[in-house]
Amino acid sequence: MKKINIYIIILMLPLLIASSSLQEQEVIRLVDQAVQLFKSEGTDALKKIGDPSGSYYIQSKLLYVFVYDKNCVIKAHPFKPSLVGRSYLGKPDVRGKKFRDDIVNQAIENGSGWTEYSYQKPGVAGIFKKKVFGKRVTVGSDVFIVCCGMYID
């Protein structure tokens, strides 16, 4: 029985990796679309990105775009609009990682990148691994970090 389980896992591994890769591509696509919105509409993009019924929140896949400024203040968040205006500078996840600082710093320094951390999954008890792709966009003198994340377990 143990050999059969190992065999099934080996057979399923490429599918799991492909699925994760497709979701990563979707996360990057959503971020890139939001960056283009900033480039075409300026700061008016914040309202569209933060709209809970808009195209930057895909509830069925637990995917949504959110935006920080360079000081880790949330500027748009369609899943939890009540977070807008709050600073998360220096605030860690449940395991002590200051992931928001990492997201913002990585985007400012490198233009974009992935950050992993631990977080709650909506509607499910427990803490799960999550990763976020963040990308810097400049609008006039304002710097924004456009983000989207995915659960990886």
C-alpha atoms as a PDB file:
ATOM      1  CA  MET A   1       0.000   0.000   0.000  1.00  0.00           C
ATOM      2  CA  LYS A   2       2.857   2.372   0.845  1.00  0.00           C
ATOM      3  CA  LYS A   3       4.434   1.767  -2.577  1.00  0.00           C
ATOM      4  CA  ILE A   4       1.136   2.612  -4.266  1.00  0.00           C
ATOM      5  CA  ASN A   5       0.848   5.919  -2.356  1.00  0.00           C
ATOM      6  CA  ILE A   6       4.398   6.892  -3.282  1.00  0.00           C
ATOM      7  CA  TYR A   7       3.713   5.962  -6.907  1.00  0.00           C
ATOM      8  CA  ILE A   8       0.560   8.126  -6.942  1.00  0.00           C
ATOM      9  CA  ILE A   9       2.469  11.060  -5.460  1.00  0.00           C
ATOM     10  CA  ILE A  10       5.194  10.699  -8.077  1.00  0.00           C
ATOM     11  CA  LEU A  11       2.598  10.647 -10.855  1.00  0.00           C
ATOM     12  CA  MET A  12       0.725  13.668  -9.442  1.00  0.00           C
ATOM     13  CA  LEU A  13       3.802  15.840  -8.823  1.00  0.00           C
ATOM     14  CA  PRO A  14       4.052  17.258 -12.367  1.00  0.00           C
ATOM     15  CA  LEU A  15       0.361  18.210 -12.235  1.00  0.00           C
ATOM     16  CA  LEU A  16       0.795  19.983  -8.910  1.00  0.00           C
ATOM     17  CA  ILE A  17       3.839  21.872 -10.173  1.00  0.00           C
ATOM     18  CA  ALA A  18       2.032  22.855 -13.388  1.00  0.00           C
ATOM     19  CA  SER A  19      -0.992  24.031 -11.414  1.00  0.00           C
ATOM     20  CA  SER A  20       1.183  26.183  -9.160  1.00  0.00           C
ATOM     21  CA  SER A  21       2.991  27.618 -12.173  1.00  0.00           C
ATOM     22  CA  LEU A  22      -0.319  28.517 -13.848  1.00  0.00           C
ATOM     23  CA  GLN A  23      -1.505  30.277 -10.713  1.00  0.00           C
ATOM     24  CA  GLU A  24       1.808  32.174 -10.486  1.00  0.00           C
ATOM     25  CA  GLN A  25       1.284  33.302 -14.068  1.00  0.00           C
ATOM     26  CA  GLU A  26      -2.243  34.469 -13.229  1.00  0.00           C
ATOM     27  CA  VAL A  27      -0.966  36.411 -10.199  1.00  0.00           C
ATOM     28  CA  ILE A  28       1.681  38.148 -12.331  1.00  0.00           C
ATOM     29  CA  ARG A  29      -0.899  38.861 -15.053  1.00  0.00           C
ATOM     30  CA  LEU A  30      -3.244  40.545 -12.555  1.00  0.00           C
ATOM     31  CA  VAL A  31      -0.401  42.665 -11.160  1.00  0.00           C
ATOM     32  CA  ASP A  32       0.721  43.657 -14.667  1.00  0.00           C
ATOM     33  CA  GLN A  33      -2.852  44.635 -15.598  1.00  0.00           C
ATOM     34  CA  ALA A  34      -3.100  46.815 -12.492  1.00  0.00           C
ATOM     35  CA  VAL A  35       0.283  48.424 -13.254  1.00  0.00           C
ATOM     36  CA  GLN A  36      -0.968  49.242 -16.765  1.00  0.00           C
ATOM     37  CA  LEU A  37      -4.101  50.749 -15.219  1.00  0.00           C
ATOM     38  CA  PHE A  38      -1.897  53.027 -13.097  1.00  0.00           C
ATOM     39  CA  LYS A  39       0.049  54.035 -16.190  1.00  0.00           C
ATOM     40  CA  SER A  40      -3.104  54.924 -18.108  1.00  0.00           C
ATOM     41  CA  GLU A  41      -5.261  56.396 -15.309  1.00  0.00           C
ATOM     42  CA  GLY A  42      -2.815  57.558 -12.656  1.00  0.00           C
ATOM     43  CA  THR A  43      -3.983  57.463  -9.047  1.00  0.00           C
ATOM     44  CA  ASP A  44      -7.594  56.991 -10.215  1.00  0.00           C
ATOM     45  CA  ALA A  45      -6.537  53.348 -10.600  1.00  0.00           C
ATOM     46  CA  LEU A  46      -6.711  52.944  -6.819  1.00  0.00           C
ATOM     47  CA  LYS A  47     -10.499  53.188  -6.851  1.00  0.00           C
ATOM     48  CA  LYS A  48     -10.882  50.507  -9.549  1.00  0.00           C
ATOM     49  CA  ILE A  49      -8.360  48.182  -7.918  1.00  0.00           C
ATOM     50  CA  GLY A  50     -10.042  48.568  -4.524  1.00  0.00           C
ATOM     51  CA  ASP A  51     -13.549  47.855  -5.836  1.00  0.00           C
ATOM     52  CA  PRO A  52     -14.782  44.595  -4.206  1.00  0.00           C
ATOM     53  CA  SER A  53     -16.977  43.887  -7.237  1.00  0.00           C
ATOM     54  CA  GLY A  54     -14.305  44.855  -9.757  1.00  0.00           C
ATOM     55  CA  SER A  55     -12.055  42.807 -11.989  1.00  0.00           C
ATOM     56  CA  TYR A  56      -9.102  42.875  -9.569  1.00  0.00           C
ATOM     57  CA  TYR A  57     -10.798  40.500  -7.121  1.00  0.00           C
ATOM     58  CA  ILE A  58     -11.358  36.910  -8.247  1.00  0.00           C
ATOM     59  CA  GLN A  59     -13.227  35.510  -5.264  1.00  0.00           C
ATOM     60  CA  SER A  60     -13.468  31.960  -6.616  1.00  0.00           C
ATOM     61  CA  LYS A  61      -9.667  31.690  -6.684  1.00  0.00           C
ATOM     62  CA  LEU A  62      -8.909  33.776  -3.565  1.00  0.00           C
ATOM     63  CA  LEU A  63      -6.941  36.161  -5.792  1.00  0.00           C
ATOM     64  CA  TYR A  64      -7.036  39.924  -5.434  1.00  0.00           C
ATOM     65  CA  VAL A  65      -4.776  42.845  -6.200  1.00  0.00           C
ATOM     66  CA  PHE A  66      -3.876  45.210  -3.389  1.00  0.00           C
ATOM     67  CA  VAL A  67      -1.604  48.229  -3.232  1.00  0.00           C
ATOM     68  CA  TYR A  68       0.907  49.614  -0.715  1.00  0.00           C
ATOM     69  CA  ASP A  69       2.712  52.913  -0.807  1.00  0.00           C
ATOM     70  CA  LYS A  70       6.457  53.006  -0.079  1.00  0.00           C
ATOM     71  CA  ASN A  71       5.702  53.317   3.667  1.00  0.00           C
ATOM     72  CA  CYS A  72       3.624  50.091   3.807  1.00  0.00           C
ATOM     73  CA  VAL A  73       0.333  51.983   3.962  1.00  0.00           C
ATOM     74  CA  ILE A  74      -2.445  50.104   2.187  1.00  0.00           C
ATOM     75  CA  LYS A  75      -3.860  52.276  -0.611  1.00  0.00           C
ATOM     76  CA  ALA A  76      -6.310  49.781  -2.192  1.00  0.00           C
ATOM     77  CA  HIS A  77      -7.666  46.419  -1.034  1.00  0.00           C
ATOM     78  CA  PRO A  78     -10.807  44.876  -2.601  1.00  0.00           C
ATOM     79  CA  PHE A  79     -11.016  41.916  -0.196  1.00  0.00           C
ATOM     80  CA  LYS A  80     -10.796  44.039   2.974  1.00  0.00           C
ATOM     81  CA  PRO A  81     -11.473  47.698   2.064  1.00  0.00           C
ATOM     82  CA  SER A  82     -11.409  48.602   5.771  1.00  0.00           C
ATOM     83  CA  LEU A  83      -7.609  48.154   5.695  1.00  0.00           C
ATOM     84  CA  VAL A  84      -7.108  51.120   3.352  1.00  0.00           C
ATOM     85  CA  GLY A  85      -5.164  53.881   5.046  1.00  0.00           C
ATOM     86  CA  ARG A  86      -3.549  51.624   7.652  1.00  0.00           C
ATOM     87  CA  SER A  87       0.215  51.345   7.968  1.00  0.00           C
ATOM     88  CA  TYR A  88       1.665  47.857   8.287  1.00  0.00           C
ATOM     89  CA  LEU A  89       5.294  48.940   8.461  1.00  0.00           C
ATOM     90  CA  GLY A  90       7.180  46.576  10.756  1.00  0.00           C
ATOM     91  CA  LYS A  91       4.177  44.359  11.516  1.00  0.00           C
ATOM     92  CA  PRO A  92       5.038  40.654  11.314  1.00  0.00           C
ATOM     93  CA  ASP A  93       3.075  37.565  10.382  1.00  0.00           C
ATOM     94  CA  VAL A  94       2.320  34.972  13.083  1.00  0.00           C
ATOM     95  CA  ARG A  95       5.821  33.528  12.721  1.00  0.00           C
ATOM     96  CA  GLY A  96       7.569  36.889  13.117  1.00  0.00           C
ATOM     97  CA  LYS A  97       8.388  37.675   9.473  1.00  0.00           C
ATOM     98  CA  LYS A  98       7.940  41.340   8.520  1.00  0.00           C
ATOM     99  CA  PHE A  99       6.707  40.284   5.110  1.00  0.00           C
ATOM    100  CA  ARG A 100       5.042  43.569   4.167  1.00  0.00           C
ATOM    101  CA  ASP A 101       8.337  45.382   4.639  1.00  0.00           C
ATOM    102  CA  ASP A 102       9.970  42.696   2.460  1.00  0.00           C
ATOM    103  CA  ILE A 103       7.345  43.077  -0.283  1.00  0.00           C
ATOM    104  CA  VAL A 104       7.767  46.853  -0.425  1.00  0.00           C
ATOM    105  CA  ASN A 105      11.571  46.859  -0.127  1.00  0.00           C
ATOM    106  CA  GLN A 106      12.002  44.190  -2.791  1.00  0.00           C
ATOM    107  CA  ALA A 107       9.787  46.073  -5.245  1.00  0.00           C
ATOM    108  CA  ILE A 108      11.523  49.387  -4.561  1.00  0.00           C
ATOM    109  CA  GLU A 109      15.014  47.900  -4.862  1.00  0.00           C
ATOM    110  CA  ASN A 110      14.455  45.355  -7.671  1.00  0.00           C
ATOM    111  CA  GLY A 111      11.307  46.547  -9.428  1.00  0.00           C
ATOM    112  CA  SER A 112       9.398  43.366  -8.569  1.00  0.00           C
ATOM    113  CA  GLY A 113       9.644  40.024  -6.808  1.00  0.00           C
ATOM    114  CA  TRP A 114       8.058  37.273  -4.746  1.00  0.00           C
ATOM    115  CA  THR A 115       7.801  37.164  -0.944  1.00  0.00           C
ATOM    116  CA  GLU A 116       6.687  34.117   1.088  1.00  0.00           C
ATOM    117  CA  TYR A 117       5.030  34.295   4.493  1.00  0.00           C
ATOM    118  CA  SER A 118       2.392  32.666   6.722  1.00  0.00           C
ATOM    119  CA  TYR A 119      -1.208  33.850   6.767  1.00  0.00           C
ATOM    120  CA  GLN A 120      -4.817  32.890   7.401  1.00  0.00           C
ATOM    121  CA  LYS A 121      -6.840  31.478   4.530  1.00  0.00           C
ATOM    122  CA  PRO A 122     -10.363  32.927   4.338  1.00  0.00           C
ATOM    123  CA  GLY A 123     -12.939  30.459   5.606  1.00  0.00           C
ATOM    124  CA  VAL A 124     -10.369  27.866   6.706  1.00  0.00           C
ATOM    125  CA  ALA A 125      -8.939  27.414  10.201  1.00  0.00           C
ATOM    126  CA  GLY A 126      -5.173  27.479  10.539  1.00  0.00           C
ATOM    127  CA  ILE A 127      -2.141  29.243   9.139  1.00  0.00           C
ATOM    128  CA  PHE A 128      -0.976  28.582   5.595  1.00  0.00           C
ATOM    129  CA  LYS A 129       1.996  29.402   3.406  1.00  0.00           C
ATOM    130  CA  LYS A 130       1.320  32.231   1.010  1.00  0.00           C
ATOM    131  CA  LYS A 131       3.413  34.101  -1.481  1.00  0.00           C
ATOM    132  CA  VAL A 132       2.895  37.522  -2.978  1.00  0.00           C
ATOM    133  CA  PHE A 133       4.207  39.077  -6.141  1.00  0.00           C
ATOM    134  CA  GLY A 134       4.800  42.805  -5.797  1.00  0.00           C
ATOM    135  CA  LYS A 135       5.739  45.281  -8.519  1.00  0.00           C
ATOM    136  CA  ARG A 136       6.715  48.939  -8.271  1.00  0.00           C
ATOM    137  CA  VAL A 137       4.936  51.603 -10.305  1.00  0.00           C
ATOM    138  CA  THR A 138       5.564  55.339 -10.132  1.00  0.00           C
ATOM    139  CA  VAL A 139       2.794  57.846 -10.785  1.00  0.00           C
ATOM    140  CA  GLY A 140       4.120  61.403 -10.724  1.00  0.00           C
ATOM    141  CA  SER A 141       5.971  61.644  -7.407  1.00  0.00           C
ATOM    142  CA  ASP A 142       4.041  58.732  -5.850  1.00  0.00           C
ATOM    143  CA  VAL A 143       5.481  55.226  -5.630  1.00  0.00           C
ATOM    144  CA  PHE A 144       3.063  52.307  -5.318  1.00  0.00           C
ATOM    145  CA  ILE A 145       3.665  48.596  -4.850  1.00  0.00           C
ATOM    146  CA  VAL A 146       1.018  46.597  -6.728  1.00  0.00           C
ATOM    147  CA  CYS A 147       0.588  43.118  -5.241  1.00  0.00           C
ATOM    148  CA  CYS A 148      -1.293  39.865  -5.640  1.00  0.00           C
ATOM    149  CA  GLY A 149      -0.787  36.672  -3.659  1.00  0.00           C
ATOM    150  CA  MET A 150      -1.570  33.006  -3.720  1.00  0.00           C
ATOM    151  CA  TYR A 151      -1.686  30.242  -1.144  1.00  0.00           C
ATOM    152  CA  ILE A 152       0.922  27.571  -1.695  1.00  0.00           C
ATOM    153  CA  ASP A 153      -0.403  24.945   0.707  1.00  0.00           C
END
